[in-house]
Structure formats: C-alpha cells, structure tokens
Amino acid sequence: MPDFVAALFASAIFCLAVVALNALTRLALQAQIAPDGLMEGGFVQYGGALVLAGSTYRRAVRTPVRVAAD
C-alpha cells in the first residue's frame, strides 16, 4: 500500500477512535462506573487512539498488496 494511502487510513482510524473513545468515556461517566479523573479528551482517549492508528499504519505499510491476477 502506498505510504500516502496508509497515512490517510491511519489518520481516519485515529479520528474515529477518538470519537468512539470519547463516547465510551461519556457513557461511563454518566453511568458512574468510571473514576472522576477520567475525562473526555484526556490522555487515555488520545493515547488509545494514537496506539490504534500507529499499529494500523505499521500493518498497512508492512502488508503486501495482493493483486487479483496473482
């Protein structure tokens, strides 16, 4: 996969992960099952999204492209 496409895919995954983790954090805080120190837009959300995007980028760059003719 070209680097540009892999970077585009990884950035899309990062954005989706931040939105999903913020939604899960909001639900956990409203249900009072999360500690008060856990906040929306915090280190846990951005760190988790960054780890997911980084692993996605590494996997996209490492995986060879399969052509239908092969």
Protein backbone atom coordinates (compact mmCIF):
# COMPACT_ATOMS: atom_id res chain seq x y z
CA MET A 1 0.00 0.00 0.00
CA PRO A 2 1.42 3.43 -0.84
CA ASP A 3 2.55 5.49 2.15
CA PHE A 4 0.06 8.25 1.40
CA VAL A 5 -2.89 5.87 1.44
CA ALA A 6 -1.59 4.20 4.61
CA ALA A 7 -1.22 7.58 6.32
CA LEU A 8 -4.69 8.62 5.19
CA PHE A 9 -6.15 5.37 6.51
CA ALA A 10 -4.30 5.70 9.82
CA SER A 11 -5.48 9.29 10.31
CA ALA A 12 -9.07 8.25 9.62
CA ILE A 13 -8.72 5.46 12.18
CA PHE A 14 -7.30 7.98 14.68
CA CYS A 15 -10.26 10.32 14.24
CA LEU A 16 -12.81 7.52 14.54
CA ALA A 17 -11.05 6.11 17.60
CA VAL A 18 -11.04 9.49 19.37
CA VAL A 19 -14.76 9.92 18.71
CA ALA A 20 -15.54 6.37 19.85
CA LEU A 21 -13.38 6.56 22.99
CA ASN A 22 -14.87 9.94 23.94
CA ALA A 23 -18.37 8.50 23.54
CA LEU A 24 -17.49 5.49 25.69
CA THR A 25 -15.97 7.77 28.32
CA ARG A 26 -19.07 9.96 28.36
CA LEU A 27 -21.29 6.90 28.81
CA ALA A 28 -19.08 5.56 31.59
CA LEU A 29 -19.12 8.90 33.41
CA GLN A 30 -22.90 9.23 33.10
CA ALA A 31 -23.37 5.68 34.37
CA GLN A 32 -20.98 6.49 37.23
CA ILE A 33 -18.81 3.45 36.56
CA ALA A 34 -15.68 5.46 35.74
CA PRO A 35 -13.46 7.36 38.17
CA ASP A 36 -13.82 11.14 38.28
CA GLY A 37 -10.28 11.61 36.99
CA LEU A 38 -11.24 10.08 33.66
CA MET A 39 -12.36 12.92 31.43
CA GLU A 40 -13.37 13.41 27.84
CA GLY A 41 -10.49 14.37 25.56
CA GLY A 42 -7.95 13.16 28.08
CA PHE A 43 -4.74 11.21 27.86
CA VAL A 44 -6.49 7.84 27.80
CA GLN A 45 -8.57 8.70 24.73
CA TYR A 46 -5.80 10.31 22.70
CA GLY A 47 -3.24 7.75 23.79
CA GLY A 48 -5.50 4.85 22.88
CA ALA A 49 -6.37 6.39 19.53
CA LEU A 50 -2.69 7.07 18.79
CA VAL A 51 -1.72 3.48 19.59
CA LEU A 52 -4.50 2.16 17.35
CA ALA A 53 -3.56 4.50 14.49
CA GLY A 54 0.13 3.64 14.81
CA SER A 55 -0.50 -0.08 14.70
CA THR A 56 -2.83 0.41 11.73
CA TYR A 57 -0.17 2.38 9.85
CA ARG A 58 2.52 -0.21 10.57
CA ARG A 59 0.25 -3.02 9.44
CA ALA A 60 -0.82 -1.18 6.28
CA VAL A 61 2.77 -0.45 5.28
CA ARG A 62 4.01 -3.94 6.12
CA THR A 63 1.23 -5.92 4.41
CA PRO A 64 1.97 -6.59 0.73
CA VAL A 65 -0.64 -5.60 -1.80
CA ARG A 66 -2.45 -8.57 -3.29
CA VAL A 67 -3.39 -8.28 -6.93
CA ALA A 68 -6.37 -10.20 -8.30
CA ALA A 69 -4.19 -11.70 -11.07
CA ASP A 70 -1.88 -13.45 -8.57
